Protein backbone atom coordinates (compact mmCIF):
# COMPACT_ATOMS: atom_id res chain seq x y z
CA MET A 1 101.57 169.54 21.72
CA VAL A 2 99.56 168.55 18.64
CA GLN A 3 95.84 167.73 18.87
CA ALA A 4 93.52 166.32 16.25
CA TYR A 5 90.05 165.06 15.78
CA ILE A 6 89.87 161.55 14.23
CA LEU A 7 86.65 160.84 12.38
CA ILE A 8 85.91 157.11 12.14
CA GLN A 9 83.56 154.96 10.08
CA THR A 10 82.89 151.51 11.51
CA GLU A 11 81.32 148.23 10.48
CA VAL A 12 77.49 148.21 11.26
CA GLY A 13 76.92 147.75 14.91
CA LYS A 14 80.61 148.22 15.96
CA ALA A 15 80.64 151.98 16.95
CA THR A 16 80.31 151.43 20.72
CA SER A 17 82.95 148.78 21.01
CA VAL A 18 85.31 150.73 18.81
CA ALA A 19 84.81 153.90 20.89
CA GLU A 20 85.40 151.97 24.08
CA THR A 21 88.61 150.33 22.85
CA ILE A 22 90.02 153.62 21.44
CA ALA A 23 89.31 155.51 24.67
CA LYS A 24 91.84 153.27 26.39
CA ILE A 25 94.68 154.11 24.05
CA PRO A 26 97.31 156.40 25.50
CA GLY A 27 97.18 159.89 23.88
CA VAL A 28 93.38 159.66 23.26
CA ILE A 29 91.54 162.39 25.23
CA GLN A 30 88.04 161.45 24.33
CA ALA A 31 86.22 158.95 22.09
CA GLU A 32 82.39 159.29 21.43
CA ASP A 33 79.75 157.51 19.38
CA VAL A 34 77.98 159.94 17.03
CA THR A 35 75.35 159.87 14.34
CA GLY A 36 75.86 161.06 10.77
CA PRO A 37 78.46 160.12 8.16
CA TYR A 38 80.87 159.09 10.80
CA ASP A 39 80.26 156.66 13.74
CA VAL A 40 82.99 157.69 16.21
CA ILE A 41 84.79 160.92 16.87
CA VAL A 42 88.05 160.85 18.71
CA ARG A 43 90.09 163.74 20.13
CA ALA A 44 93.77 162.85 20.51
CA GLN A 45 97.00 164.51 21.35
CA SER A 46 100.76 163.89 20.91
CA ASP A 47 103.97 165.71 21.09
CA THR A 48 104.61 165.96 17.30
CA VAL A 49 102.83 165.53 14.06
CA ASP A 50 104.96 162.38 13.41
CA ASP A 51 103.83 161.00 16.86
CA LEU A 52 100.25 161.78 15.94
CA GLY A 53 100.64 159.87 12.65
CA ARG A 54 102.02 156.84 14.44
CA LEU A 55 99.20 156.98 16.99
CA VAL A 56 96.66 156.95 14.18
CA VAL A 57 98.28 154.31 11.98
CA ALA A 58 99.80 151.94 14.61
CA LYS A 59 97.10 152.11 17.30
CA VAL A 60 93.74 153.56 16.18
CA GLN A 61 93.53 152.05 12.67
CA GLN A 62 94.37 148.61 14.15
CA VAL A 63 91.22 148.50 16.21
CA ASN A 64 88.86 145.82 15.01
CA GLY A 65 85.67 147.10 13.32
CA ILE A 66 87.08 150.28 11.73
CA THR A 67 86.59 150.68 7.99
CA ARG A 68 87.96 154.25 7.46
CA THR A 69 89.45 157.20 9.31
CA LEU A 70 89.97 160.92 8.64
CA THR A 71 92.45 162.76 10.81
CA CYS A 72 91.83 166.55 11.29
CA PRO A 73 94.67 168.27 13.10
CA VAL A 74 93.63 171.30 15.26
CA VAL A 75 95.08 174.66 14.19
CA HIS A 76 95.11 177.87 16.11
CA LEU A 77 94.76 180.78 13.62
């Protein structure tokens, strides 16, 4: 199982609707509005890194109102 944090910048005023929409996507564990340089932080999981990439590109990035994403895979050192 691969998990990652996805940091999202949105259009002004879209953070809440983006977080609510993303929270409904299968594979998303949590989606929260935040303050700072990013507007939404998502925790997601998938079976493989490739599946994670497909989740981000085909599902998350397609949500209306997103301007930029940064995916940070979780590592266990």
